[in-house]
């Protein structure tokens, strides 16, 4: 799954699908890629469970699979928590520096 999203074009496809279902031709047009390339990327994403497909007449329509994306979300969330804690600590240090600078200017 992580290898699948490591490829930038696959992430572009996932980004497009965040807004809802899209037929493969729409994805081809928006990404300005050939249909065989897009189909290959969609196949990989489907095989790892990140997207689902359904047939609508002669079209194939793709959508995100929220359950498939959950492991990626969970993994990234751990880093988000760490970043938030570090940024909060940095905010404290910056505020202390501003206060010290203001005191030094008054002296």
N, C-alpha and C. Protein backbone atom coordinates (compact mmCIF):
# COMPACT_ATOMS: atom_id res chain seq x y z
N UNK A 1 0.82 -1.19 0.00
CA UNK A 1 0.00 0.00 0.00
C UNK A 1 0.86 1.26 0.00
N UNK A 2 1.89 1.28 0.86
CA UNK A 2 2.74 2.45 0.93
C UNK A 2 3.55 2.62 -0.35
N UNK A 3 3.96 1.51 -0.96
CA UNK A 3 4.64 1.61 -2.25
C UNK A 3 3.72 2.18 -3.31
N UNK A 4 2.46 1.84 -3.24
CA UNK A 4 1.50 2.34 -4.23
C UNK A 4 1.38 3.85 -4.15
N UNK A 5 1.34 4.41 -2.95
CA UNK A 5 1.18 5.86 -2.83
C UNK A 5 2.52 6.60 -2.92
N UNK A 6 3.60 5.86 -2.99
CA UNK A 6 4.91 6.50 -3.17
C UNK A 6 5.04 7.11 -4.56
N UNK A 7 4.27 6.62 -5.51
CA UNK A 7 4.33 7.09 -6.89
C UNK A 7 3.49 8.37 -7.01
N UNK A 8 4.09 9.48 -7.44
CA UNK A 8 3.38 10.77 -7.48
C UNK A 8 2.09 10.76 -8.30
N UNK A 9 2.05 10.10 -9.42
CA UNK A 9 0.84 10.09 -10.24
C UNK A 9 -0.31 9.37 -9.53
N UNK A 10 0.02 8.36 -8.76
CA UNK A 10 -1.03 7.66 -8.01
C UNK A 10 -1.59 8.57 -6.93
N UNK A 11 -0.72 9.36 -6.32
CA UNK A 11 -1.22 10.33 -5.33
C UNK A 11 -2.10 11.37 -6.02
N UNK A 12 -1.73 11.77 -7.24
CA UNK A 12 -2.57 12.70 -7.99
C UNK A 12 -3.95 12.10 -8.24
N UNK A 13 -3.99 10.83 -8.58
CA UNK A 13 -5.27 10.15 -8.80
C UNK A 13 -6.08 10.14 -7.51
N UNK A 14 -5.45 9.81 -6.40
CA UNK A 14 -6.16 9.81 -5.11
C UNK A 14 -6.69 11.21 -4.80
N UNK A 15 -5.90 12.24 -5.08
CA UNK A 15 -6.35 13.61 -4.85
C UNK A 15 -7.59 13.93 -5.67
N UNK A 16 -7.59 13.51 -6.93
CA UNK A 16 -8.76 13.75 -7.78
C UNK A 16 -10.00 13.05 -7.23
N UNK A 17 -9.81 11.85 -6.72
CA UNK A 17 -10.94 11.06 -6.23
C UNK A 17 -11.46 11.54 -4.89
N UNK A 18 -10.74 12.45 -4.23
CA UNK A 18 -11.24 12.98 -2.96
C UNK A 18 -12.55 13.73 -3.15
N UNK A 19 -12.75 14.30 -4.34
CA UNK A 19 -13.98 15.05 -4.60
C UNK A 19 -15.15 14.16 -4.98
N UNK A 20 -14.89 12.88 -5.15
CA UNK A 20 -15.97 11.95 -5.50
C UNK A 20 -15.58 11.05 -6.66
N UNK A 21 -16.54 10.26 -7.05
CA UNK A 21 -16.31 9.30 -8.13
C UNK A 21 -15.95 10.00 -9.44
N UNK A 22 -15.11 9.31 -10.22
CA UNK A 22 -14.73 9.84 -11.53
C UNK A 22 -14.56 8.68 -12.50
N UNK A 23 -15.03 8.88 -13.72
CA UNK A 23 -14.75 7.88 -14.75
C UNK A 23 -13.29 7.97 -15.18
N UNK A 24 -12.76 6.88 -15.66
CA UNK A 24 -11.35 6.84 -16.03
C UNK A 24 -11.02 7.91 -17.07
N UNK A 25 -11.92 8.19 -17.99
CA UNK A 25 -11.63 9.21 -19.02
C UNK A 25 -11.46 10.59 -18.41
N UNK A 26 -12.19 10.89 -17.36
CA UNK A 26 -12.04 12.17 -16.67
C UNK A 26 -10.66 12.26 -16.02
N UNK A 27 -10.22 11.18 -15.41
CA UNK A 27 -8.90 11.15 -14.77
C UNK A 27 -7.82 11.34 -15.83
N UNK A 28 -7.97 10.66 -16.95
CA UNK A 28 -7.02 10.79 -18.07
C UNK A 28 -6.92 12.25 -18.49
N UNK A 29 -8.07 12.88 -18.68
CA UNK A 29 -8.11 14.27 -19.14
C UNK A 29 -7.49 15.22 -18.13
N UNK A 30 -7.84 15.07 -16.88
CA UNK A 30 -7.35 16.00 -15.86
C UNK A 30 -5.86 15.85 -15.59
N UNK A 31 -5.35 14.63 -15.67
CA UNK A 31 -3.92 14.41 -15.41
C UNK A 31 -3.07 14.54 -16.67
N UNK A 32 -3.74 14.65 -17.81
CA UNK A 32 -3.04 14.75 -19.09
C UNK A 32 -2.05 13.60 -19.28
N UNK A 33 -2.53 12.41 -18.97
CA UNK A 33 -1.77 11.18 -19.16
C UNK A 33 -2.51 10.31 -20.16
N UNK A 34 -1.79 9.35 -20.70
CA UNK A 34 -2.44 8.39 -21.59
C UNK A 34 -3.34 7.46 -20.81
N UNK A 35 -4.39 6.99 -21.47
CA UNK A 35 -5.34 6.08 -20.82
C UNK A 35 -4.66 4.81 -20.32
N UNK A 36 -3.70 4.22 -21.07
CA UNK A 36 -3.04 3.02 -20.54
C UNK A 36 -2.27 3.28 -19.24
N UNK A 37 -1.63 4.45 -19.15
CA UNK A 37 -0.90 4.78 -17.92
C UNK A 37 -1.86 4.91 -16.74
N UNK A 38 -2.94 5.65 -16.95
CA UNK A 38 -3.91 5.85 -15.87
C UNK A 38 -4.51 4.51 -15.45
N UNK A 39 -4.85 3.68 -16.42
CA UNK A 39 -5.43 2.38 -16.09
C UNK A 39 -4.45 1.52 -15.29
N UNK A 40 -3.18 1.61 -15.65
CA UNK A 40 -2.16 0.84 -14.90
C UNK A 40 -2.08 1.32 -13.46
N UNK A 41 -2.07 2.64 -13.27
CA UNK A 41 -2.02 3.19 -11.91
C UNK A 41 -3.28 2.82 -11.12
N UNK A 42 -4.42 2.91 -11.77
CA UNK A 42 -5.67 2.56 -11.10
C UNK A 42 -5.70 1.09 -10.72
N UNK A 43 -5.14 0.25 -11.55
CA UNK A 43 -5.08 -1.18 -11.24
C UNK A 43 -4.28 -1.42 -9.97
N UNK A 44 -3.13 -0.75 -9.86
CA UNK A 44 -2.30 -0.90 -8.66
C UNK A 44 -3.06 -0.40 -7.43
N UNK A 45 -3.69 0.76 -7.55
CA UNK A 45 -4.44 1.31 -6.42
C UNK A 45 -5.61 0.41 -6.03
N UNK A 46 -6.23 -0.20 -7.02
CA UNK A 46 -7.34 -1.11 -6.74
C UNK A 46 -6.83 -2.39 -6.07
N UNK A 47 -5.71 -2.91 -6.54
CA UNK A 47 -5.16 -4.15 -5.98
C UNK A 47 -4.78 -4.02 -4.51
N UNK A 48 -4.33 -2.82 -4.10
CA UNK A 48 -3.95 -2.63 -2.70
C UNK A 48 -5.12 -2.11 -1.87
N UNK A 49 -6.29 -1.94 -2.49
CA UNK A 49 -7.49 -1.57 -1.75
C UNK A 49 -7.69 -0.10 -1.49
N UNK A 50 -6.99 0.77 -2.23
CA UNK A 50 -7.15 2.20 -2.01
C UNK A 50 -8.28 2.81 -2.83
N UNK A 51 -8.64 2.16 -3.93
CA UNK A 51 -9.77 2.61 -4.73
C UNK A 51 -10.66 1.43 -5.07
N UNK A 52 -11.90 1.73 -5.32
CA UNK A 52 -12.88 0.75 -5.79
C UNK A 52 -13.34 1.20 -7.17
N UNK A 53 -13.83 0.23 -7.95
CA UNK A 53 -14.32 0.54 -9.29
C UNK A 53 -15.68 -0.11 -9.47
N UNK A 54 -16.48 0.54 -10.29
CA UNK A 54 -17.76 -0.05 -10.67
C UNK A 54 -18.01 0.30 -12.13
N UNK A 55 -18.72 -0.57 -12.80
CA UNK A 55 -19.07 -0.33 -14.19
C UNK A 55 -20.37 0.44 -14.25
N UNK A 56 -20.38 1.44 -15.09
CA UNK A 56 -21.58 2.23 -15.33
C UNK A 56 -21.76 2.28 -16.85
N UNK A 57 -22.55 1.37 -17.34
CA UNK A 57 -22.66 1.23 -18.80
C UNK A 57 -21.33 0.76 -19.35
N UNK A 58 -20.79 1.51 -20.29
CA UNK A 58 -19.50 1.15 -20.87
C UNK A 58 -18.33 1.82 -20.16
N UNK A 59 -18.63 2.63 -19.15
CA UNK A 59 -17.58 3.33 -18.41
C UNK A 59 -17.25 2.59 -17.13
N UNK A 60 -16.02 2.76 -16.69
CA UNK A 60 -15.62 2.29 -15.37
C UNK A 60 -15.42 3.54 -14.51
N UNK A 61 -16.06 3.55 -13.36
CA UNK A 61 -16.02 4.70 -12.46
C UNK A 61 -15.26 4.29 -11.20
N UNK A 62 -14.36 5.19 -10.76
CA UNK A 62 -13.50 4.90 -9.60
C UNK A 62 -13.85 5.83 -8.45
N UNK A 63 -13.62 5.32 -7.25
CA UNK A 63 -13.83 6.10 -6.03
C UNK A 63 -12.83 5.65 -4.97
N UNK A 64 -12.58 6.52 -4.01
CA UNK A 64 -11.69 6.17 -2.91
C UNK A 64 -12.32 5.10 -2.04
N UNK A 65 -11.47 4.29 -1.45
CA UNK A 65 -11.91 3.31 -0.46
C UNK A 65 -11.39 3.78 0.89
N UNK A 66 -12.27 4.36 1.69
CA UNK A 66 -11.88 4.91 2.99
C UNK A 66 -11.23 3.90 3.91
N UNK A 67 -11.74 2.69 3.92
CA UNK A 67 -11.13 1.65 4.78
C UNK A 67 -9.71 1.35 4.35
N UNK A 68 -9.48 1.37 3.04
CA UNK A 68 -8.14 1.11 2.53
C UNK A 68 -7.15 2.20 2.89
N UNK A 69 -7.65 3.42 3.01
CA UNK A 69 -6.78 4.56 3.34
C UNK A 69 -6.49 4.67 4.83
N UNK A 70 -7.27 4.00 5.66
CA UNK A 70 -7.12 4.12 7.12
C UNK A 70 -5.71 3.78 7.63
N UNK A 71 -5.08 2.70 7.16
CA UNK A 71 -3.72 2.42 7.66
C UNK A 71 -2.73 3.55 7.36
N UNK A 72 -2.88 4.18 6.21
CA UNK A 72 -2.00 5.30 5.87
C UNK A 72 -2.31 6.47 6.81
N UNK A 73 -3.58 6.75 7.01
CA UNK A 73 -3.98 7.82 7.93
C UNK A 73 -3.42 7.58 9.33
N UNK A 74 -3.58 6.36 9.82
CA UNK A 74 -3.10 6.03 11.16
C UNK A 74 -1.60 6.24 11.29
N UNK A 75 -0.86 5.81 10.26
CA UNK A 75 0.59 5.94 10.30
C UNK A 75 1.00 7.41 10.28
N UNK A 76 0.40 8.19 9.41
CA UNK A 76 0.73 9.62 9.31
C UNK A 76 0.31 10.36 10.58
N UNK A 77 -0.78 9.93 11.21
CA UNK A 77 -1.25 10.58 12.43
C UNK A 77 -0.21 10.56 13.54
N UNK A 78 0.56 9.48 13.61
CA UNK A 78 1.62 9.42 14.62
C UNK A 78 2.63 10.55 14.41
N UNK A 79 2.99 10.79 13.17
CA UNK A 79 3.94 11.87 12.88
C UNK A 79 3.30 13.22 13.09
N UNK A 80 2.03 13.35 12.77
CA UNK A 80 1.33 14.62 12.96
C UNK A 80 1.35 15.01 14.44
N UNK A 81 1.12 14.04 15.31
CA UNK A 81 1.13 14.30 16.75
C UNK A 81 2.52 14.79 17.18
N UNK A 82 3.57 14.14 16.68
CA UNK A 82 4.93 14.54 17.01
C UNK A 82 5.22 15.94 16.50
N UNK A 83 4.83 16.24 15.25
CA UNK A 83 5.05 17.57 14.70
C UNK A 83 4.31 18.62 15.51
N UNK A 84 3.08 18.33 15.88
CA UNK A 84 2.29 19.29 16.65
C UNK A 84 2.98 19.59 17.98
N UNK A 85 3.47 18.56 18.66
CA UNK A 85 4.16 18.76 19.93
C UNK A 85 5.42 19.60 19.75
N UNK A 86 6.16 19.34 18.68
CA UNK A 86 7.38 20.11 18.43
C UNK A 86 7.06 21.56 18.08
N UNK A 87 6.03 21.77 17.29
CA UNK A 87 5.64 23.14 16.95
C UNK A 87 5.14 23.88 18.18
N UNK A 88 4.42 23.20 19.05
CA UNK A 88 3.97 23.83 20.29
C UNK A 88 5.16 24.24 21.13
N UNK A 89 6.17 23.37 21.23
CA UNK A 89 7.38 23.69 21.99
C UNK A 89 8.12 24.86 21.35
N UNK A 90 8.16 24.89 20.02
CA UNK A 90 8.80 26.00 19.32
C UNK A 90 8.06 27.30 19.58
N UNK A 91 6.74 27.25 19.61
CA UNK A 91 5.94 28.45 19.91
C UNK A 91 6.30 29.01 21.28
N UNK A 92 6.49 28.12 22.24
CA UNK A 92 6.85 28.56 23.60
C UNK A 92 8.21 29.25 23.58
N UNK A 93 9.18 28.65 22.90
CA UNK A 93 10.52 29.24 22.83
C UNK A 93 10.46 30.60 22.13
N UNK A 94 9.74 30.70 21.03
CA UNK A 94 9.63 31.96 20.31
C UNK A 94 8.98 33.04 21.16
N UNK A 95 7.95 32.67 21.90
CA UNK A 95 7.29 33.64 22.78
C UNK A 95 8.25 34.12 23.87
N UNK A 96 9.03 33.21 24.42
CA UNK A 96 10.02 33.59 25.44
C UNK A 96 11.06 34.53 24.85
N UNK A 97 11.49 34.27 23.62
CA UNK A 97 12.47 35.15 22.97
C UNK A 97 11.88 36.54 22.72
N UNK A 98 10.62 36.61 22.31
CA UNK A 98 9.96 37.90 22.09
C UNK A 98 9.88 38.69 23.39
N UNK A 99 9.51 38.00 24.46
CA UNK A 99 9.40 38.66 25.76
C UNK A 99 10.77 39.17 26.22
N UNK A 100 11.81 38.36 26.02
CA UNK A 100 13.16 38.76 26.41
C UNK A 100 13.60 39.96 25.59
N UNK A 101 13.31 39.94 24.29
CA UNK A 101 13.68 41.05 23.41
C UNK A 101 12.96 42.32 23.83
N UNK A 102 11.71 42.21 24.19
CA UNK A 102 10.93 43.39 24.63
C UNK A 102 11.51 43.92 25.92
N UNK A 103 11.90 43.04 26.84
CA UNK A 103 12.51 43.51 28.12
C UNK A 103 13.84 44.18 27.85
N UNK A 104 14.64 43.62 26.94
CA UNK A 104 15.96 44.20 26.63
C UNK A 104 15.82 45.59 25.99
N UNK A 105 14.78 45.76 25.17
CA UNK A 105 14.54 47.06 24.54
C UNK A 105 14.11 48.11 25.56
N UNK A 106 13.41 47.67 26.61
CA UNK A 106 12.96 48.60 27.65
C UNK A 106 14.09 48.98 28.59
N UNK A 107 15.12 48.19 28.63
CA UNK A 107 16.23 48.47 29.57
C UNK A 107 17.17 49.50 29.05
